[in-house]
Amino acid sequence: MCLAVPMKITKIDGFQCTCEAKGIEREVSLFMLQHETVEPGDHILVHVGYAIQKVSEQDAADSWAMFDEILAAQS
């Protein structure tokens, strides 16, 4: 099973960007989205260091709510 994590783009430099989610920052490749218009403030799904899809802010929030719910149930 694969997992993609929703993150918010904070800075773009060519095909590299800095993303943030829940206070964690990561460097992410935008190479797979090179034909998509992305800019700081956009949300993307990140899988093993690559942005694989642009998503809405609501979809990102819904995903994090579901992740939080799953983690809370395991405690």
Protein backbone atom coordinates (compact mmCIF):
# COMPACT_ATOMS: atom_id res chain seq x y z
CA MET A 1 0.00 0.00 0.00
CA CYS A 2 1.25 3.50 -0.82
CA LEU A 3 0.59 6.67 1.10
CA ALA A 4 0.66 10.23 -0.21
CA VAL A 5 0.67 13.05 2.31
CA PRO A 6 -1.01 16.39 1.60
CA MET A 7 1.35 19.34 2.04
CA LYS A 8 1.23 23.08 1.38
CA ILE A 9 3.84 24.63 -0.91
CA THR A 10 5.68 27.48 0.81
CA LYS A 11 8.48 28.18 -1.70
CA ILE A 12 9.30 27.13 -5.28
CA ASP A 13 12.71 27.04 -6.95
CA GLY A 14 12.51 25.50 -10.42
CA PHE A 15 11.31 21.92 -10.08
CA GLN A 16 12.04 21.88 -6.32
CA CYS A 17 9.80 23.27 -3.63
CA THR A 18 9.59 23.53 0.13
CA CYS A 19 6.37 22.18 1.60
CA GLU A 20 4.86 22.22 5.08
CA ALA A 21 2.33 20.08 6.91
CA LYS A 22 1.66 19.96 10.66
CA GLY A 23 4.82 22.00 11.34
CA ILE A 24 7.10 19.67 9.34
CA GLU A 25 8.96 21.02 6.30
CA ARG A 26 10.22 18.92 3.41
CA GLU A 27 11.98 19.51 0.11
CA VAL A 28 9.83 18.05 -2.67
CA SER A 29 10.36 17.53 -6.39
CA LEU A 30 7.77 19.09 -8.70
CA PHE A 31 9.13 17.24 -11.74
CA MET A 32 6.04 15.03 -12.09
CA LEU A 33 3.81 18.14 -12.10
CA GLN A 34 5.89 20.08 -14.60
CA HIS A 35 2.85 20.61 -16.88
CA GLU A 36 0.66 21.77 -13.96
CA THR A 37 0.56 25.35 -12.69
CA VAL A 38 1.57 25.35 -9.02
CA GLU A 39 2.50 28.26 -6.78
CA PRO A 40 3.16 28.92 -3.10
CA GLY A 41 -0.03 28.37 -1.14
CA ASP A 42 -1.17 25.45 -3.30
CA HIS A 43 -1.63 22.00 -1.78
CA ILE A 44 -0.11 18.85 -3.28
CA LEU A 45 0.04 15.16 -2.49
CA VAL A 46 3.61 14.06 -1.72
CA HIS A 47 4.83 10.48 -2.14
CA VAL A 48 8.47 9.59 -1.42
CA GLY A 49 9.66 13.13 -2.08
CA TYR A 50 7.68 13.75 -5.26
CA ALA A 51 4.57 15.85 -5.76
CA ILE A 52 2.15 13.54 -7.55
CA GLN A 53 -1.06 15.57 -7.66
CA LYS A 54 -2.38 19.05 -6.95
CA VAL A 55 -5.34 19.01 -4.54
CA SER A 56 -7.69 21.59 -3.09
CA GLU A 57 -7.15 23.04 0.37
CA GLN A 58 -10.38 21.32 1.47
CA ASP A 59 -9.21 17.91 0.22
CA ALA A 60 -5.92 18.36 2.10
CA ALA A 61 -7.77 19.33 5.30
CA ASP A 62 -10.16 16.38 4.94
CA SER A 63 -7.23 13.98 4.52
CA TRP A 64 -5.48 15.30 7.63
CA ALA A 65 -8.73 15.06 9.62
CA MET A 66 -9.03 11.42 8.59
CA PHE A 67 -5.36 10.70 9.46
CA ASP A 68 -5.84 12.35 12.88
CA GLU A 69 -8.99 10.28 13.48
CA ILE A 70 -7.19 7.02 12.62
CA LEU A 71 -4.25 7.89 14.89
CA ALA A 72 -6.57 8.86 17.76
CA ALA A 73 -8.42 5.53 17.46
CA GLN A 74 -5.12 3.63 17.81
CA SER A 75 -4.22 5.35 21.09
